[in-house]
């Protein structure tokens, strides 16, 4: 994988925009592409961002998408506690 690519793992909380931090929202707004499970990306407020997206929760698929794509900055959206159930090690 290109070492110049930046990947931000952003916890969306239980209700997307109502519970996401300002810092997390900033990462999403500045990402070239967003990645996440279908149930997260289908939330209306994330669809309204009109960014390229990849629907998956599987680490192997996410890694391949990032490796193969031309984008340089990604926001990987996760639900729950990122500190406890982090996908960072797998990606």
N, C-alpha and C. Protein backbone atom coordinates (compact mmCIF):
# COMPACT_ATOMS: atom_id res chain seq x y z
N UNK A 1 0.85 -1.18 0.00
CA UNK A 1 0.00 0.00 0.00
C UNK A 1 0.89 1.24 0.00
N UNK A 2 0.45 2.26 -0.70
CA UNK A 2 1.17 3.53 -0.78
C UNK A 2 1.24 4.18 0.60
N UNK A 3 2.44 4.50 1.04
CA UNK A 3 2.62 5.07 2.38
C UNK A 3 2.13 6.50 2.48
N UNK A 4 1.81 7.14 1.35
CA UNK A 4 1.29 8.51 1.37
C UNK A 4 -0.22 8.56 1.60
N UNK A 5 -0.87 7.42 1.60
CA UNK A 5 -2.31 7.39 1.83
C UNK A 5 -2.58 7.57 3.32
N UNK A 6 -3.65 8.32 3.61
CA UNK A 6 -4.06 8.54 5.00
C UNK A 6 -5.40 7.87 5.23
N UNK A 7 -5.48 7.13 6.32
CA UNK A 7 -6.71 6.41 6.67
C UNK A 7 -7.12 6.84 8.07
N UNK A 8 -8.32 7.38 8.16
CA UNK A 8 -8.87 7.79 9.46
C UNK A 8 -10.00 6.85 9.82
N UNK A 9 -9.91 6.24 10.97
CA UNK A 9 -10.99 5.37 11.46
C UNK A 9 -11.86 6.22 12.36
N UNK A 10 -13.11 6.40 11.94
CA UNK A 10 -14.02 7.33 12.60
C UNK A 10 -15.19 6.58 13.20
N UNK A 11 -15.35 6.68 14.50
CA UNK A 11 -16.49 6.09 15.18
C UNK A 11 -17.71 6.98 15.00
N UNK A 12 -18.77 6.41 14.47
CA UNK A 12 -19.98 7.20 14.21
C UNK A 12 -20.93 7.23 15.40
N UNK A 13 -20.62 6.49 16.45
CA UNK A 13 -21.54 6.43 17.57
C UNK A 13 -22.77 5.63 17.19
N UNK A 14 -23.79 5.74 18.01
CA UNK A 14 -24.99 4.95 17.78
C UNK A 14 -25.96 5.58 16.78
N UNK A 15 -25.79 6.88 16.51
CA UNK A 15 -26.78 7.55 15.66
C UNK A 15 -26.14 8.55 14.69
N UNK A 16 -24.99 8.20 14.15
CA UNK A 16 -24.39 9.04 13.12
C UNK A 16 -24.11 10.46 13.56
N UNK A 17 -24.68 11.42 12.87
CA UNK A 17 -24.38 12.83 13.12
C UNK A 17 -24.76 13.32 14.51
N UNK A 18 -25.70 12.67 15.16
CA UNK A 18 -26.10 13.10 16.50
C UNK A 18 -25.04 12.77 17.55
N UNK A 19 -24.22 11.75 17.29
CA UNK A 19 -23.28 11.30 18.30
C UNK A 19 -21.83 11.32 17.85
N UNK A 20 -21.54 11.72 16.63
CA UNK A 20 -20.17 11.77 16.15
C UNK A 20 -19.48 13.02 16.68
N UNK A 21 -18.18 12.95 16.89
CA UNK A 21 -17.45 14.13 17.36
C UNK A 21 -17.21 15.09 16.21
N UNK A 22 -16.92 16.35 16.54
CA UNK A 22 -16.60 17.35 15.52
C UNK A 22 -15.35 16.95 14.75
N UNK A 23 -14.38 16.39 15.46
CA UNK A 23 -13.14 15.95 14.81
C UNK A 23 -13.42 14.82 13.82
N UNK A 24 -14.27 13.87 14.21
CA UNK A 24 -14.63 12.78 13.32
C UNK A 24 -15.35 13.27 12.08
N UNK A 25 -16.25 14.22 12.26
CA UNK A 25 -16.98 14.79 11.13
C UNK A 25 -16.02 15.52 10.19
N UNK A 26 -15.04 16.20 10.75
CA UNK A 26 -14.04 16.89 9.93
C UNK A 26 -13.25 15.91 9.07
N UNK A 27 -12.87 14.76 9.65
CA UNK A 27 -12.17 13.74 8.87
C UNK A 27 -13.03 13.24 7.71
N UNK A 28 -14.31 13.05 7.96
CA UNK A 28 -15.21 12.59 6.90
C UNK A 28 -15.34 13.63 5.81
N UNK A 29 -15.53 14.87 6.18
CA UNK A 29 -15.68 15.95 5.19
C UNK A 29 -14.44 16.12 4.33
N UNK A 30 -13.26 15.87 4.90
CA UNK A 30 -12.01 16.08 4.18
C UNK A 30 -11.49 14.84 3.47
N UNK A 31 -12.15 13.71 3.65
CA UNK A 31 -11.72 12.47 3.00
C UNK A 31 -12.09 12.49 1.52
N UNK A 32 -11.26 11.83 0.72
CA UNK A 32 -11.58 11.66 -0.70
C UNK A 32 -12.66 10.61 -0.88
N UNK A 33 -12.67 9.62 0.00
CA UNK A 33 -13.66 8.52 -0.08
C UNK A 33 -14.00 8.07 1.33
N UNK A 34 -15.23 7.59 1.49
CA UNK A 34 -15.64 7.05 2.78
C UNK A 34 -15.95 5.57 2.63
N UNK A 35 -15.66 4.83 3.69
CA UNK A 35 -15.81 3.38 3.68
C UNK A 35 -16.57 2.99 4.94
N UNK A 36 -17.46 2.03 4.81
CA UNK A 36 -18.17 1.56 5.99
C UNK A 36 -19.20 0.51 5.64
N UNK A 37 -19.75 -0.07 6.67
CA UNK A 37 -20.81 -1.06 6.49
C UNK A 37 -22.02 -0.39 5.82
N UNK A 38 -22.76 -1.16 5.09
CA UNK A 38 -23.92 -0.65 4.36
C UNK A 38 -24.89 0.09 5.29
N UNK A 39 -25.13 -0.45 6.47
CA UNK A 39 -26.10 0.18 7.37
C UNK A 39 -25.64 1.56 7.83
N UNK A 40 -24.34 1.79 7.89
CA UNK A 40 -23.83 3.12 8.26
C UNK A 40 -23.90 4.06 7.06
N UNK A 41 -23.40 3.61 5.91
CA UNK A 41 -23.38 4.49 4.74
C UNK A 41 -24.77 4.80 4.21
N UNK A 42 -25.75 3.98 4.54
CA UNK A 42 -27.12 4.24 4.09
C UNK A 42 -27.85 5.27 4.95
N UNK A 43 -27.25 5.70 6.05
CA UNK A 43 -27.87 6.76 6.85
C UNK A 43 -27.92 8.03 6.00
N UNK A 44 -29.04 8.70 6.03
CA UNK A 44 -29.28 9.83 5.13
C UNK A 44 -28.17 10.88 5.18
N UNK A 45 -27.68 11.21 6.37
CA UNK A 45 -26.70 12.28 6.45
C UNK A 45 -25.37 11.90 5.80
N UNK A 46 -25.01 10.62 5.75
CA UNK A 46 -23.78 10.24 5.07
C UNK A 46 -23.98 10.18 3.57
N UNK A 47 -25.18 9.80 3.13
CA UNK A 47 -25.48 9.81 1.70
C UNK A 47 -25.44 11.23 1.14
N UNK A 48 -25.83 12.21 1.94
CA UNK A 48 -25.86 13.59 1.49
C UNK A 48 -24.47 14.19 1.25
N UNK A 49 -23.44 13.54 1.73
CA UNK A 49 -22.08 14.05 1.54
C UNK A 49 -21.63 13.95 0.08
N UNK A 50 -22.27 13.11 -0.69
CA UNK A 50 -21.97 12.93 -2.10
C UNK A 50 -20.48 12.69 -2.34
N UNK A 51 -19.93 11.77 -1.59
CA UNK A 51 -18.53 11.38 -1.75
C UNK A 51 -18.49 9.96 -2.29
N UNK A 52 -17.41 9.64 -2.99
CA UNK A 52 -17.25 8.24 -3.38
C UNK A 52 -17.24 7.37 -2.13
N UNK A 53 -17.88 6.22 -2.20
CA UNK A 53 -17.94 5.37 -1.02
C UNK A 53 -17.77 3.90 -1.41
N UNK A 54 -17.37 3.12 -0.43
CA UNK A 54 -17.21 1.69 -0.60
C UNK A 54 -17.90 1.03 0.58
N UNK A 55 -18.88 0.18 0.29
CA UNK A 55 -19.65 -0.46 1.36
C UNK A 55 -19.05 -1.81 1.70
N UNK A 56 -18.46 -1.87 2.87
CA UNK A 56 -17.93 -3.14 3.39
C UNK A 56 -17.56 -2.95 4.85
N UNK A 57 -17.63 -4.03 5.59
CA UNK A 57 -17.15 -4.05 6.97
C UNK A 57 -16.00 -5.05 7.11
N UNK A 58 -15.65 -5.71 6.02
CA UNK A 58 -14.62 -6.74 6.04
C UNK A 58 -13.24 -6.13 5.81
N UNK A 59 -12.34 -6.34 6.74
CA UNK A 59 -11.01 -5.74 6.69
C UNK A 59 -10.27 -6.04 5.40
N UNK A 60 -10.36 -7.27 4.92
CA UNK A 60 -9.65 -7.66 3.70
C UNK A 60 -10.16 -6.86 2.50
N UNK A 61 -11.47 -6.69 2.40
CA UNK A 61 -12.05 -5.93 1.29
C UNK A 61 -11.69 -4.46 1.38
N UNK A 62 -11.71 -3.91 2.59
CA UNK A 62 -11.36 -2.51 2.80
C UNK A 62 -9.90 -2.28 2.42
N UNK A 63 -9.03 -3.16 2.86
CA UNK A 63 -7.60 -3.04 2.54
C UNK A 63 -7.40 -3.06 1.02
N UNK A 64 -8.05 -3.99 0.34
CA UNK A 64 -7.92 -4.09 -1.12
C UNK A 64 -8.43 -2.83 -1.81
N UNK A 65 -9.57 -2.31 -1.37
CA UNK A 65 -10.12 -1.10 -1.97
C UNK A 65 -9.13 0.06 -1.83
N UNK A 66 -8.60 0.24 -0.64
CA UNK A 66 -7.66 1.34 -0.40
C UNK A 66 -6.38 1.13 -1.22
N UNK A 67 -5.88 -0.09 -1.24
CA UNK A 67 -4.65 -0.38 -1.99
C UNK A 67 -4.82 -0.13 -3.48
N UNK A 68 -5.98 -0.49 -4.02
CA UNK A 68 -6.20 -0.43 -5.46
C UNK A 68 -6.72 0.91 -5.97
N UNK A 69 -7.22 1.76 -5.08
CA UNK A 69 -7.84 3.01 -5.55
C UNK A 69 -6.84 4.15 -5.65
N UNK A 70 -7.24 5.17 -6.38
CA UNK A 70 -6.37 6.33 -6.61
C UNK A 70 -6.52 7.42 -5.54
N UNK A 71 -7.47 7.27 -4.64
CA UNK A 71 -7.69 8.28 -3.61
C UNK A 71 -6.52 8.29 -2.62
N UNK A 72 -6.35 9.41 -1.93
CA UNK A 72 -5.24 9.50 -0.98
C UNK A 72 -5.69 9.58 0.48
N UNK A 73 -6.93 10.01 0.72
CA UNK A 73 -7.43 10.16 2.09
C UNK A 73 -8.76 9.43 2.23
N UNK A 74 -8.87 8.60 3.28
CA UNK A 74 -10.05 7.77 3.49
C UNK A 74 -10.57 7.95 4.91
N UNK A 75 -11.88 7.90 5.04
CA UNK A 75 -12.51 7.84 6.35
C UNK A 75 -13.23 6.49 6.42
N UNK A 76 -12.78 5.64 7.33
CA UNK A 76 -13.41 4.34 7.53
C UNK A 76 -14.36 4.51 8.71
N UNK A 77 -15.66 4.41 8.43
CA UNK A 77 -16.68 4.65 9.45
C UNK A 77 -17.02 3.35 10.17
N UNK A 78 -16.98 3.41 11.49
CA UNK A 78 -17.32 2.25 12.30
C UNK A 78 -18.34 2.65 13.36
N UNK A 79 -19.07 1.69 13.83
CA UNK A 79 -19.98 1.96 14.94
C UNK A 79 -19.36 1.40 16.21
N UNK A 80 -19.85 1.83 17.32
CA UNK A 80 -19.34 1.32 18.58
C UNK A 80 -18.09 2.05 19.05
N UNK A 81 -17.37 1.44 19.96
CA UNK A 81 -16.20 2.03 20.59
C UNK A 81 -14.95 1.67 19.80
N UNK A 82 -14.36 2.64 19.10
CA UNK A 82 -13.17 2.39 18.31
C UNK A 82 -11.99 1.94 19.13
N UNK A 83 -11.89 2.40 20.35
CA UNK A 83 -10.78 2.04 21.21
C UNK A 83 -10.84 0.58 21.64
N UNK A 84 -12.02 0.04 21.69
CA UNK A 84 -12.20 -1.34 22.18
C UNK A 84 -12.28 -2.33 21.02
N UNK A 85 -13.03 -1.98 19.99
CA UNK A 85 -13.24 -2.86 18.85
C UNK A 85 -12.61 -2.26 17.60
N UNK A 86 -11.38 -1.86 17.68
CA UNK A 86 -10.74 -1.16 16.57
C UNK A 86 -10.43 -2.10 15.41
N UNK A 87 -10.68 -1.61 14.20
CA UNK A 87 -10.32 -2.37 13.01
C UNK A 87 -8.97 -1.91 12.48
N UNK A 88 -8.32 -1.00 13.16
CA UNK A 88 -7.06 -0.41 12.70
C UNK A 88 -5.99 -1.48 12.46
N UNK A 89 -5.85 -2.38 13.37
CA UNK A 89 -4.80 -3.40 13.25
C UNK A 89 -5.03 -4.28 12.02
N UNK A 90 -6.28 -4.56 11.72
CA UNK A 90 -6.60 -5.44 10.60
C UNK A 90 -6.42 -4.75 9.25
N UNK A 91 -6.61 -3.43 9.22
CA UNK A 91 -6.48 -2.69 7.97
C UNK A 91 -5.03 -2.31 7.77
